[in-house]
Amino acid sequence: MLIAITQPSLLKQEALAIEALLKAGVDYVHVRKPGYVSEEVRALLNAVPEPGRPCLSVHYHHQAARRSGVGGLHRTKGFAVTDGKGCRVSASCHSLAEVKALTLADCQYVFLSPVFDSISKKGYASAFSKASLSEFLSHKETDMPAVVALGGITKDNVGAVRQMGFDGAALLGALWVVQKGVVDVPATVERFFEIQEQWKTVYQ
């Protein structure tokens, strides 16, 4: 499972990039826009063609998400999912203890971060060792949600993420190519293909 997370700023050609990434093989795109009002986020969601919206998950702006027909809601501290019926629910965790406390009844998958030093958040260093992650993931309970690695994921380490036993990887800093507030769609898709190739190579 490979998941794209949007940049926190609204960007030109962003809806085109989201559509292109989904066509390229991204499983889900998480729309995370913490500094914007719901109307602005809803405009972005509505700019994505309807066939792709079930593969979108929205942070913070849950009502806008429901009105736009997206498929997923992401819960974070202060932004609980009060009614996840019919939706794909995900969550953010920053410790193994937080992951252990959740079951599939709570959410389908969680982001665990930062697995590596963050690219998008300077100074946000990894809090885990490869050995501790591998040990935890190899003994994960069957009723626990899928665990997706987040933080510092690149084409050079995504293979190690899969080898450790993660169910997926979330891409942000190493994915988006942006020039003066405009997404370079072909370059962003090319970066995804490079990461995807390494993800697939591990078990080929």
N, C-alpha and C. Protein backbone atom coordinates (compact mmCIF):
# COMPACT_ATOMS: atom_id res chain seq x y z
N MET A 1 0.85 -1.19 0.00
CA MET A 1 0.00 0.00 0.00
C MET A 1 0.89 1.24 0.00
N LEU A 2 0.73 2.08 -1.00
CA LEU A 2 1.46 3.34 -1.09
C LEU A 2 0.46 4.49 -1.04
N ILE A 3 0.68 5.40 -0.11
CA ILE A 3 -0.25 6.50 0.14
C ILE A 3 0.48 7.82 -0.06
N ALA A 4 -0.16 8.75 -0.76
CA ALA A 4 0.38 10.10 -0.91
C ALA A 4 -0.33 11.03 0.07
N ILE A 5 0.43 11.93 0.67
CA ILE A 5 -0.13 12.96 1.54
C ILE A 5 0.15 14.31 0.89
N THR A 6 -0.86 15.16 0.80
CA THR A 6 -0.68 16.45 0.16
C THR A 6 0.23 17.36 0.97
N GLN A 7 0.81 18.33 0.30
CA GLN A 7 1.49 19.42 0.99
C GLN A 7 0.45 20.19 1.80
N PRO A 8 0.84 20.83 2.90
CA PRO A 8 -0.15 21.56 3.71
C PRO A 8 -0.74 22.78 3.02
N SER A 9 -0.04 23.34 2.04
CA SER A 9 -0.54 24.50 1.31
C SER A 9 -1.37 24.07 0.10
N LEU A 10 -2.36 24.88 -0.24
CA LEU A 10 -3.09 24.65 -1.48
C LEU A 10 -2.21 25.07 -2.65
N LEU A 11 -2.16 24.24 -3.68
CA LEU A 11 -1.26 24.46 -4.80
C LEU A 11 -2.03 24.45 -6.12
N LYS A 12 -1.50 25.17 -7.08
CA LYS A 12 -2.08 25.12 -8.43
C LYS A 12 -1.76 23.77 -9.06
N GLN A 13 -2.69 23.25 -9.82
CA GLN A 13 -2.59 21.95 -10.49
C GLN A 13 -2.59 20.77 -9.52
N GLU A 14 -3.02 21.03 -8.27
CA GLU A 14 -3.00 19.97 -7.26
C GLU A 14 -4.02 18.88 -7.57
N ALA A 15 -5.21 19.27 -7.99
CA ALA A 15 -6.22 18.26 -8.32
C ALA A 15 -5.77 17.40 -9.49
N LEU A 16 -5.12 18.01 -10.48
CA LEU A 16 -4.58 17.25 -11.61
C LEU A 16 -3.53 16.26 -11.13
N ALA A 17 -2.68 16.70 -10.19
CA ALA A 17 -1.64 15.83 -9.65
C ALA A 17 -2.24 14.66 -8.89
N ILE A 18 -3.27 14.93 -8.09
CA ILE A 18 -3.93 13.87 -7.34
C ILE A 18 -4.52 12.83 -8.29
N GLU A 19 -5.21 13.30 -9.32
CA GLU A 19 -5.79 12.39 -10.31
C GLU A 19 -4.70 11.57 -10.99
N ALA A 20 -3.59 12.22 -11.35
CA ALA A 20 -2.51 11.52 -12.04
C ALA A 20 -1.84 10.48 -11.14
N LEU A 21 -1.68 10.80 -9.86
CA LEU A 21 -1.07 9.86 -8.93
C LEU A 21 -1.95 8.63 -8.73
N LEU A 22 -3.24 8.84 -8.63
CA LEU A 22 -4.16 7.70 -8.49
C LEU A 22 -4.10 6.80 -9.72
N LYS A 23 -4.04 7.41 -10.89
CA LYS A 23 -3.94 6.62 -12.12
C LYS A 23 -2.60 5.89 -12.20
N ALA A 24 -1.56 6.47 -11.58
CA ALA A 24 -0.23 5.86 -11.61
C ALA A 24 -0.09 4.69 -10.64
N GLY A 25 -1.05 4.57 -9.70
CA GLY A 25 -0.99 3.44 -8.78
C GLY A 25 -0.98 3.76 -7.31
N VAL A 26 -1.05 5.04 -6.94
CA VAL A 26 -1.20 5.39 -5.53
C VAL A 26 -2.52 4.81 -5.02
N ASP A 27 -2.47 4.16 -3.87
CA ASP A 27 -3.69 3.53 -3.33
C ASP A 27 -4.67 4.56 -2.78
N TYR A 28 -4.14 5.48 -1.96
CA TYR A 28 -4.98 6.53 -1.39
C TYR A 28 -4.20 7.83 -1.38
N VAL A 29 -4.92 8.95 -1.46
CA VAL A 29 -4.32 10.27 -1.29
C VAL A 29 -4.96 10.92 -0.08
N HIS A 30 -4.14 11.31 0.89
CA HIS A 30 -4.62 12.00 2.08
C HIS A 30 -4.53 13.50 1.85
N VAL A 31 -5.68 14.15 1.93
CA VAL A 31 -5.75 15.60 1.76
C VAL A 31 -5.66 16.23 3.14
N ARG A 32 -4.52 16.86 3.39
CA ARG A 32 -4.24 17.45 4.70
C ARG A 32 -3.95 18.93 4.51
N LYS A 33 -4.89 19.78 4.88
CA LYS A 33 -4.78 21.22 4.70
C LYS A 33 -5.14 21.93 6.01
N PRO A 34 -4.22 21.91 6.99
CA PRO A 34 -4.56 22.41 8.32
C PRO A 34 -4.84 23.91 8.39
N GLY A 35 -4.34 24.69 7.46
CA GLY A 35 -4.49 26.14 7.57
C GLY A 35 -5.62 26.73 6.76
N TYR A 36 -6.54 25.89 6.31
CA TYR A 36 -7.59 26.37 5.41
C TYR A 36 -8.98 26.08 5.96
N VAL A 37 -9.95 26.84 5.47
CA VAL A 37 -11.34 26.62 5.90
C VAL A 37 -11.95 25.52 5.04
N SER A 38 -13.06 24.99 5.52
CA SER A 38 -13.68 23.84 4.86
C SER A 38 -14.06 24.12 3.41
N GLU A 39 -14.51 25.36 3.12
CA GLU A 39 -14.92 25.68 1.75
C GLU A 39 -13.75 25.56 0.78
N GLU A 40 -12.56 25.98 1.22
CA GLU A 40 -11.38 25.88 0.36
C GLU A 40 -10.99 24.43 0.12
N VAL A 41 -11.08 23.63 1.17
CA VAL A 41 -10.74 22.22 1.03
C VAL A 41 -11.77 21.51 0.15
N ARG A 42 -13.03 21.86 0.35
CA ARG A 42 -14.07 21.24 -0.46
C ARG A 42 -13.89 21.57 -1.95
N ALA A 43 -13.44 22.78 -2.25
CA ALA A 43 -13.20 23.15 -3.65
C ALA A 43 -12.13 22.26 -4.27
N LEU A 44 -11.09 21.95 -3.50
CA LEU A 44 -10.06 21.04 -4.00
C LEU A 44 -10.63 19.65 -4.22
N LEU A 45 -11.39 19.16 -3.25
CA LEU A 45 -11.97 17.82 -3.37
C LEU A 45 -12.88 17.73 -4.59
N ASN A 46 -13.68 18.77 -4.81
CA ASN A 46 -14.61 18.75 -5.93
C ASN A 46 -13.91 18.88 -7.28
N ALA A 47 -12.67 19.37 -7.26
CA ALA A 47 -11.90 19.49 -8.50
C ALA A 47 -11.31 18.15 -8.93
N VAL A 48 -11.29 17.19 -8.02
CA VAL A 48 -10.84 15.84 -8.37
C VAL A 48 -12.03 15.11 -9.00
N PRO A 49 -11.87 14.52 -10.18
CA PRO A 49 -12.98 13.82 -10.82
C PRO A 49 -13.61 12.78 -9.90
N GLU A 50 -14.92 12.65 -9.97
CA GLU A 50 -15.66 11.78 -9.05
C GLU A 50 -15.13 10.35 -8.95
N PRO A 51 -14.69 9.73 -10.05
CA PRO A 51 -14.20 8.35 -9.92
C PRO A 51 -13.02 8.19 -8.96
N GLY A 52 -12.26 9.27 -8.74
CA GLY A 52 -11.11 9.19 -7.84
C GLY A 52 -11.41 9.52 -6.40
N ARG A 53 -12.55 10.11 -6.13
CA ARG A 53 -12.82 10.59 -4.76
C ARG A 53 -12.93 9.49 -3.71
N PRO A 54 -13.42 8.30 -4.03
CA PRO A 54 -13.41 7.25 -3.01
C PRO A 54 -12.01 6.91 -2.49
N CYS A 55 -10.98 7.26 -3.24
CA CYS A 55 -9.60 6.97 -2.83
C CYS A 55 -8.97 8.13 -2.06
N LEU A 56 -9.74 9.18 -1.79
CA LEU A 56 -9.25 10.31 -1.00
C LEU A 56 -9.62 10.12 0.47
N SER A 57 -8.72 10.54 1.35
CA SER A 57 -8.99 10.60 2.78
C SER A 57 -8.70 12.02 3.24
N VAL A 58 -9.53 12.55 4.12
CA VAL A 58 -9.42 13.95 4.50
C VAL A 58 -9.11 14.09 5.98
N HIS A 59 -8.15 14.97 6.27
CA HIS A 59 -7.80 15.32 7.64
C HIS A 59 -8.55 16.60 8.02
N TYR A 60 -9.00 16.68 9.26
CA TYR A 60 -9.59 17.88 9.87
C TYR A 60 -10.98 18.24 9.33
N HIS A 61 -11.14 18.36 8.02
CA HIS A 61 -12.36 18.89 7.42
C HIS A 61 -13.33 17.76 7.06
N HIS A 62 -13.83 17.08 8.09
CA HIS A 62 -14.62 15.88 7.85
C HIS A 62 -15.98 16.16 7.21
N GLN A 63 -16.61 17.26 7.58
CA GLN A 63 -17.91 17.57 6.98
C GLN A 63 -17.77 17.89 5.49
N ALA A 64 -16.72 18.61 5.15
CA ALA A 64 -16.45 18.90 3.73
C ALA A 64 -16.22 17.60 2.97
N ALA A 65 -15.54 16.67 3.62
CA ALA A 65 -15.27 15.38 2.98
C ALA A 65 -16.55 14.64 2.68
N ARG A 66 -17.45 14.60 3.64
CA ARG A 66 -18.71 13.87 3.44
C ARG A 66 -19.55 14.51 2.32
N ARG A 67 -19.54 15.84 2.27
CA ARG A 67 -20.35 16.51 1.25
C ARG A 67 -19.77 16.30 -0.15
N SER A 68 -18.48 15.98 -0.22
CA SER A 68 -17.84 15.80 -1.53
C SER A 68 -17.76 14.34 -1.94
N GLY A 69 -18.21 13.44 -1.08
CA GLY A 69 -18.26 12.03 -1.44
C GLY A 69 -16.92 11.32 -1.44
N VAL A 70 -16.00 11.77 -0.58
CA VAL A 70 -14.71 11.07 -0.51
C VAL A 70 -14.86 9.81 0.34
N GLY A 71 -13.88 8.91 0.22
CA GLY A 71 -14.03 7.61 0.84
C GLY A 71 -13.45 7.46 2.23
N GLY A 72 -12.59 8.41 2.66
CA GLY A 72 -11.90 8.21 3.92
C GLY A 72 -11.85 9.43 4.81
N LEU A 73 -11.84 9.19 6.12
CA LEU A 73 -11.68 10.23 7.13
C LEU A 73 -10.50 9.86 8.01
N HIS A 74 -9.65 10.85 8.31
CA HIS A 74 -8.47 10.60 9.14
C HIS A 74 -8.65 11.27 10.49
N ARG A 75 -8.48 10.50 11.55
CA ARG A 75 -8.63 11.05 12.90
C ARG A 75 -7.28 11.43 13.47
N THR A 76 -7.24 12.57 14.12
CA THR A 76 -6.05 13.05 14.79
C THR A 76 -6.47 13.63 16.13
N LYS A 77 -5.51 14.03 16.93
CA LYS A 77 -5.81 14.62 18.22
C LYS A 77 -6.67 15.87 18.03
N GLY A 78 -7.83 15.87 18.63
CA GLY A 78 -8.72 17.01 18.50
C GLY A 78 -9.67 16.93 17.32
N PHE A 79 -9.49 15.93 16.46
CA PHE A 79 -10.36 15.76 15.29
C PHE A 79 -10.78 14.30 15.19
N ALA A 80 -11.66 13.91 16.10
CA ALA A 80 -12.14 12.53 16.14
C ALA A 80 -13.13 12.29 15.00
N VAL A 81 -13.24 11.04 14.60
CA VAL A 81 -14.26 10.64 13.62
C VAL A 81 -15.45 10.14 14.42
N THR A 82 -16.48 10.97 14.52
CA THR A 82 -17.62 10.62 15.37
C THR A 82 -18.54 9.59 14.72
N ASP A 83 -18.58 9.58 13.40
CA ASP A 83 -19.41 8.60 12.70
C ASP A 83 -18.67 8.15 11.44
N GLY A 84 -18.00 7.00 11.56
CA GLY A 84 -17.22 6.49 10.44
C GLY A 84 -17.95 5.49 9.59
N LYS A 85 -19.26 5.38 9.77
CA LYS A 85 -20.03 4.39 9.01
C LYS A 85 -19.91 4.65 7.51
N GLY A 86 -19.55 3.61 6.79
CA GLY A 86 -19.43 3.73 5.34
C GLY A 86 -18.17 4.40 4.87
N CYS A 87 -17.26 4.72 5.81
CA CYS A 87 -16.01 5.40 5.46
C CYS A 87 -14.81 4.54 5.84
N ARG A 88 -13.73 4.81 5.17
CA ARG A 88 -12.44 4.22 5.52
C ARG A 88 -11.82 5.15 6.57
N VAL A 89 -11.56 4.64 7.76
CA VAL A 89 -11.04 5.46 8.85
C VAL A 89 -9.58 5.12 9.09
N SER A 90 -8.77 6.16 9.24
CA SER A 90 -7.34 5.98 9.55
C SER A 90 -6.99 6.89 10.71
N ALA A 91 -5.78 6.69 11.26
CA ALA A 91 -5.37 7.46 12.43
C ALA A 91 -3.86 7.67 12.41
N SER A 92 -3.40 8.62 13.22
CA SER A 92 -1.97 8.90 13.36
C SER A 92 -1.48 8.41 14.71
N CYS A 93 -0.33 7.72 14.70
CA CYS A 93 0.29 7.24 15.94
C CYS A 93 1.77 7.64 15.94
N HIS A 94 2.28 7.91 17.13
CA HIS A 94 3.67 8.31 17.25
C HIS A 94 4.45 7.42 18.22
N SER A 95 3.82 6.31 18.61
CA SER A 95 4.49 5.33 19.46
C SER A 95 3.89 3.96 19.19
N LEU A 96 4.64 2.92 19.52
CA LEU A 96 4.13 1.56 19.35
C LEU A 96 2.98 1.29 20.31
N ALA A 97 3.02 1.93 21.47
CA ALA A 97 1.94 1.75 22.44
C ALA A 97 0.61 2.26 21.89
N GLU A 98 0.66 3.38 21.16
CA GLU A 98 -0.57 3.91 20.56
C GLU A 98 -1.13 2.93 19.53
N VAL A 99 -0.26 2.31 18.75
CA VAL A 99 -0.71 1.34 17.75
C VAL A 99 -1.36 0.15 18.44
N LYS A 100 -0.72 -0.34 19.49
CA LYS A 100 -1.23 -1.51 20.22
C LYS A 100 -2.62 -1.28 20.79
N ALA A 101 -2.93 -0.02 21.10
CA ALA A 101 -4.22 0.29 21.73
C ALA A 101 -5.38 0.30 20.75
N LEU A 102 -5.10 0.17 19.44
CA LEU A 102 -6.14 0.25 18.43
C LEU A 102 -6.46 -1.11 17.83
N THR A 103 -7.69 -1.27 17.37
CA THR A 103 -8.10 -2.49 16.66
C THR A 103 -8.75 -2.09 15.34
N LEU A 104 -9.07 -3.09 14.53
CA LEU A 104 -9.73 -2.83 13.26
C LEU A 104 -11.11 -2.19 13.45
N ALA A 105 -11.67 -2.33 14.64
CA ALA A 105 -12.94 -1.67 14.92
C ALA A 105 -12.77 -0.15 15.03
N ASP A 106 -11.54 0.29 15.33
CA ASP A 106 -11.26 1.72 15.46
C ASP A 106 -10.91 2.35 14.11
N CYS A 107 -10.09 1.66 13.33
CA CYS A 107 -9.65 2.19 12.04
C CYS A 107 -9.04 1.08 11.21
N GLN A 108 -8.96 1.31 9.91
CA GLN A 108 -8.43 0.30 9.00
C GLN A 108 -6.91 0.31 8.94
N TYR A 109 -6.31 1.51 9.08
CA TYR A 109 -4.85 1.59 9.08
C TYR A 109 -4.40 2.82 9.86
N VAL A 110 -3.15 2.78 10.29
CA VAL A 110 -2.57 3.90 11.04
C VAL A 110 -1.27 4.33 10.39
N PHE A 111 -0.96 5.61 10.52
CA PHE A 111 0.36 6.12 10.18
C PHE A 111 1.21 6.06 11.44
N LEU A 112 2.38 5.44 11.36
CA LEU A 112 3.33 5.46 12.46
C LEU A 112 4.49 6.34 12.04
N SER A 113 4.77 7.37 12.85
CA SER A 113 5.82 8.32 12.46
C SER A 113 6.53 8.90 13.67
N PRO A 114 7.77 9.44 13.42
CA PRO A 114 8.52 9.38 12.17
C PRO A 114 9.42 8.13 12.14
N VAL A 115 9.26 7.33 11.10
CA VAL A 115 10.06 6.11 10.97
C VAL A 115 11.50 6.47 10.61
N PHE A 116 11.66 7.45 9.72
CA PHE A 116 12.97 8.04 9.42
C PHE A 116 12.88 9.53 9.72
N ASP A 117 14.01 10.22 9.70
CA ASP A 117 13.99 11.66 9.92
C ASP A 117 13.13 12.32 8.85
N SER A 118 12.21 13.17 9.28
CA SER A 118 11.26 13.79 8.35
C SER A 118 11.95 14.69 7.34
N ILE A 119 11.43 14.67 6.10
CA ILE A 119 11.91 15.57 5.06
C ILE A 119 11.15 16.88 5.09
N SER A 120 9.84 16.81 5.29
CA SER A 120 8.99 18.00 5.25
C SER A 120 9.01 18.80 6.55
N LYS A 121 9.32 18.13 7.67
CA LYS A 121 9.37 18.81 8.96
C LYS A 121 10.81 18.77 9.48
N LYS A 122 11.54 19.84 9.28
CA LYS A 122 12.94 19.89 9.68
C LYS A 122 13.07 19.73 11.20
N GLY A 123 14.02 18.88 11.62
CA GLY A 123 14.25 18.66 13.03
C GLY A 123 13.36 17.60 13.65
N TYR A 124 12.47 17.01 12.86
CA TYR A 124 11.56 15.96 13.35
C TYR A 124 12.24 14.62 13.11
N ALA A 125 12.99 14.17 14.13
CA ALA A 125 13.86 13.01 13.97
C ALA A 125 13.15 11.71 14.31
N SER A 126 13.64 10.63 13.73
CA SER A 126 13.07 9.30 13.96
C SER A 126 13.13 8.93 15.44
N ALA A 127 12.08 8.27 15.89
CA ALA A 127 12.00 7.86 17.30
C ALA A 127 12.10 6.35 17.46
N PHE A 128 12.43 5.64 16.38
CA PHE A 128 12.40 4.18 16.41
C PHE A 128 13.70 3.60 15.86
N SER A 129 14.01 2.38 16.32
CA SER A 129 15.11 1.63 15.73
C SER A 129 14.54 0.60 14.76
N LYS A 130 15.33 0.23 13.78
CA LYS A 130 14.88 -0.77 12.81
C LYS A 130 14.56 -2.08 13.51
N ALA A 131 15.36 -2.44 14.50
CA ALA A 131 15.15 -3.70 15.22
C ALA A 131 13.83 -3.70 15.98
N SER A 132 13.53 -2.58 16.66
CA SER A 132 12.29 -2.53 17.45
C SER A 132 11.06 -2.57 16.54
N LEU A 133 11.15 -1.92 15.40
CA LEU A 133 10.03 -1.94 14.46
C LEU A 133 9.81 -3.32 13.87
N SER A 134 10.90 -3.96 13.46
CA SER A 134 10.80 -5.30 12.88
C SER A 134 10.21 -6.28 13.88
N GLU A 135 10.65 -6.19 15.13
CA GLU A 135 10.15 -7.07 16.18
C GLU A 135 8.66 -6.85 16.41
N PHE A 136 8.26 -5.60 16.50
CA PHE A 136 6.85 -5.28 16.74
C PHE A 136 5.98 -5.75 15.58
N LEU A 137 6.39 -5.46 14.37
CA LEU A 137 5.56 -5.79 13.21
C LEU A 137 5.47 -7.29 12.96
N SER A 138 6.51 -8.02 13.33
CA SER A 138 6.49 -9.47 13.12
C SER A 138 5.56 -10.17 14.10
N HIS A 139 5.18 -9.49 15.19
CA HIS A 139 4.29 -10.08 16.19
C HIS A 139 2.98 -9.31 16.32
N LYS A 140 2.63 -8.56 15.29
CA LYS A 140 1.41 -7.76 15.32
C LYS A 140 0.17 -8.65 15.40
N GLU A 141 -0.76 -8.28 16.28
CA GLU A 141 -2.00 -9.04 16.43
C GLU A 141 -2.86 -8.93 15.17
N THR A 142 -3.62 -9.97 14.87
CA THR A 142 -4.40 -10.00 13.64
C THR A 142 -5.55 -8.99 13.64
N ASP A 143 -6.00 -8.57 14.84
CA ASP A 143 -7.10 -7.61 14.88
C ASP A 143 -6.63 -6.17 14.94
N MET A 144 -5.31 -5.96 14.80
CA MET A 144 -4.77 -4.61 14.79
C MET A 144 -4.88 -4.03 13.38
N PRO A 145 -5.00 -2.70 13.26
CA PRO A 145 -5.05 -2.09 11.94
C PRO A 145 -3.72 -2.25 11.20
N ALA A 146 -3.77 -2.09 9.89
CA ALA A 146 -2.54 -2.09 9.09
C ALA A 146 -1.67 -0.92 9.54
N VAL A 147 -0.35 -1.11 9.48
CA VAL A 147 0.58 -0.08 9.93
C VAL A 147 1.35 0.46 8.73
N VAL A 148 1.24 1.76 8.52
CA VAL A 148 1.85 2.44 7.38
C VAL A 148 2.96 3.35 7.89
N ALA A 149 4.15 3.20 7.33
CA ALA A 149 5.29 4.01 7.74
C ALA A 149 5.17 5.42 7.18
N LEU A 150 5.46 6.40 8.03
CA LEU A 150 5.43 7.81 7.62
C LEU A 150 6.67 8.50 8.18
N GLY A 151 7.22 9.41 7.41
CA GLY A 151 8.36 10.19 7.87
C GLY A 151 9.65 9.82 7.17
N GLY A 152 10.10 10.68 6.27
CA GLY A 152 11.38 10.48 5.61
C GLY A 152 11.43 9.37 4.59
N ILE A 153 10.28 8.94 4.06
CA ILE A 153 10.26 7.84 3.10
C ILE A 153 10.75 8.34 1.74
N THR A 154 11.75 7.65 1.18
CA THR A 154 12.30 7.99 -0.13
C THR A 154 12.45 6.72 -0.95
N LYS A 155 12.86 6.88 -2.20
CA LYS A 155 13.09 5.71 -3.05
C LYS A 155 14.26 4.87 -2.51
N ASP A 156 15.13 5.49 -1.71
CA ASP A 156 16.31 4.79 -1.20
C ASP A 156 16.02 3.96 0.04
N ASN A 157 14.94 4.25 0.76
CA ASN A 157 14.66 3.48 1.98
C ASN A 157 13.30 2.79 2.00
N VAL A 158 12.49 2.98 0.94
CA VAL A 158 11.16 2.37 0.95
C VAL A 158 11.23 0.85 0.92
N GLY A 159 12.29 0.30 0.32
CA GLY A 159 12.47 -1.15 0.34
C GLY A 159 12.69 -1.66 1.75
N ALA A 160 13.46 -0.90 2.54
CA ALA A 160 13.70 -1.28 3.94
C ALA A 160 12.41 -1.23 4.74
N VAL A 161 11.53 -0.29 4.40
CA VAL A 161 10.23 -0.20 5.07
C VAL A 161 9.45 -1.50 4.88
N ARG A 162 9.44 -2.00 3.67
CA ARG A 162 8.71 -3.24 3.39
C ARG A 162 9.39 -4.43 4.06
N GLN A 163 10.72 -4.44 4.06
CA GLN A 163 11.44 -5.55 4.69
C GLN A 163 11.19 -5.60 6.19
N MET A 164 10.98 -4.45 6.81
CA MET A 164 10.69 -4.42 8.25
C MET A 164 9.32 -4.99 8.57
N GLY A 165 8.45 -5.08 7.56
CA GLY A 165 7.13 -5.65 7.79
C GLY A 165 5.98 -4.67 7.78
N PHE A 166 6.23 -3.43 7.39
CA PHE A 166 5.14 -2.46 7.30
C PHE A 166 4.16 -2.87 6.20
N ASP A 167 2.90 -2.53 6.41
CA ASP A 167 1.87 -2.82 5.42
C ASP A 167 1.85 -1.80 4.30
N GLY A 168 2.48 -0.67 4.52
CA GLY A 168 2.49 0.37 3.51
C GLY A 168 3.44 1.49 3.87
N ALA A 169 3.56 2.45 2.96
CA ALA A 169 4.40 3.62 3.18
C ALA A 169 3.64 4.86 2.72
N ALA A 170 3.77 5.94 3.49
CA ALA A 170 3.13 7.21 3.15
C ALA A 170 4.20 8.18 2.64
N LEU A 171 3.89 8.85 1.55
CA LEU A 171 4.86 9.69 0.86
C LEU A 171 4.44 11.15 0.92
N LEU A 172 5.43 12.00 1.25
CA LEU A 172 5.14 13.43 1.28
C LEU A 172 6.34 14.21 0.74
N GLY A 173 7.35 14.41 1.58
CA GLY A 173 8.47 15.27 1.21
C GLY A 173 9.23 14.84 -0.03
N ALA A 174 9.38 13.53 -0.23
CA ALA A 174 10.14 13.03 -1.37
C ALA A 174 9.29 12.88 -2.62
N LEU A 175 8.00 13.17 -2.52
CA LEU A 175 7.09 12.93 -3.65
C LEU A 175 6.83 14.18 -4.48
N TRP A 176 6.47 15.26 -3.82
CA TRP A 176 5.95 16.42 -4.54
C TRP A 176 7.06 17.29 -5.12
N VAL A 177 6.89 17.67 -6.39
CA VAL A 177 7.77 18.63 -7.05
C VAL A 177 6.95 19.89 -7.28
N VAL A 178 7.31 20.96 -6.59
CA VAL A 178 6.52 22.19 -6.62
C VAL A 178 7.44 23.37 -6.94
N GLN A 179 7.03 24.16 -7.90
CA GLN A 179 7.77 25.37 -8.28
C GLN A 179 6.85 26.57 -8.18
N LYS A 180 7.16 27.48 -7.25
CA LYS A 180 6.40 28.72 -7.09
C LYS A 180 4.90 28.47 -6.93
N GLY A 181 4.58 27.50 -6.11
CA GLY A 181 3.18 27.23 -5.81
C GLY A 181 2.43 26.42 -6.84
N VAL A 182 3.16 25.88 -7.82
CA VAL A 182 2.53 25.09 -8.88
C VAL A 182 3.12 23.68 -8.87
N VAL A 183 2.28 22.67 -8.84
CA VAL A 183 2.77 21.29 -8.86
C VAL A 183 3.25 20.94 -10.27
N ASP A 184 4.45 20.42 -10.35
CA ASP A 184 4.95 19.86 -11.61
C ASP A 184 4.42 18.43 -11.67
N VAL A 185 3.31 18.25 -12.37
CA VAL A 185 2.62 16.96 -12.35
C VAL A 185 3.47 15.83 -12.92
N PRO A 186 4.06 15.97 -14.12
CA PRO A 186 4.87 14.87 -14.66
C PRO A 186 6.04 14.49 -13.75
N ALA A 187 6.72 15.50 -13.17
CA ALA A 187 7.86 15.22 -12.31
C ALA A 187 7.43 14.53 -11.02
N THR A 188 6.28 14.93 -10.48
CA THR A 188 5.76 14.30 -9.27
C THR A 188 5.40 12.85 -9.53
N VAL A 189 4.75 12.59 -10.65
CA VAL A 189 4.40 11.21 -11.01
C VAL A 189 5.66 10.38 -11.23
N GLU A 190 6.67 10.96 -11.84
CA GLU A 190 7.92 10.24 -12.06
C GLU A 190 8.57 9.87 -10.73
N ARG A 191 8.53 10.77 -9.76
CA ARG A 191 9.06 10.43 -8.43
C ARG A 191 8.29 9.27 -7.82
N PHE A 192 6.97 9.29 -8.00
CA PHE A 192 6.19 8.17 -7.47
C PHE A 192 6.60 6.86 -8.12
N PHE A 193 6.77 6.86 -9.43
CA PHE A 193 7.16 5.63 -10.12
C PHE A 193 8.49 5.10 -9.59
N GLU A 194 9.42 5.99 -9.29
CA GLU A 194 10.73 5.57 -8.76
C GLU A 194 10.57 4.90 -7.40
N ILE A 195 9.71 5.47 -6.56
CA ILE A 195 9.46 4.88 -5.24
C ILE A 195 8.70 3.57 -5.38
N GLN A 196 7.70 3.56 -6.23
CA GLN A 196 6.89 2.36 -6.45
C GLN A 196 7.75 1.19 -6.93
N GLU A 197 8.69 1.47 -7.81
CA GLU A 197 9.56 0.42 -8.33
C GLU A 197 10.36 -0.24 -7.22
N GLN A 198 10.88 0.57 -6.29
CA GLN A 198 11.65 0.02 -5.18
C GLN A 198 10.76 -0.75 -4.21
N TRP A 199 9.54 -0.26 -4.02
CA TRP A 199 8.58 -0.95 -3.13
C TRP A 199 8.25 -2.34 -3.68
N LYS A 200 8.04 -2.41 -4.99
CA LYS A 200 7.68 -3.68 -5.61
C LYS A 200 8.87 -4.63 -5.71
N THR A 201 10.07 -4.08 -5.83
CA THR A 201 11.26 -4.90 -6.07
C THR A 201 11.56 -5.84 -4.92
N VAL A 202 11.19 -5.44 -3.70
CA VAL A 202 11.57 -6.20 -2.51
C VAL A 202 11.13 -7.66 -2.60
N TYR A 203 9.92 -7.92 -3.09
CA TYR A 203 9.41 -9.29 -3.11
C TYR A 203 9.31 -9.89 -4.51
N GLN A 204 10.00 -9.28 -5.46
CA GLN A 204 10.00 -9.85 -6.81
C GLN A 204 11.11 -10.89 -6.95
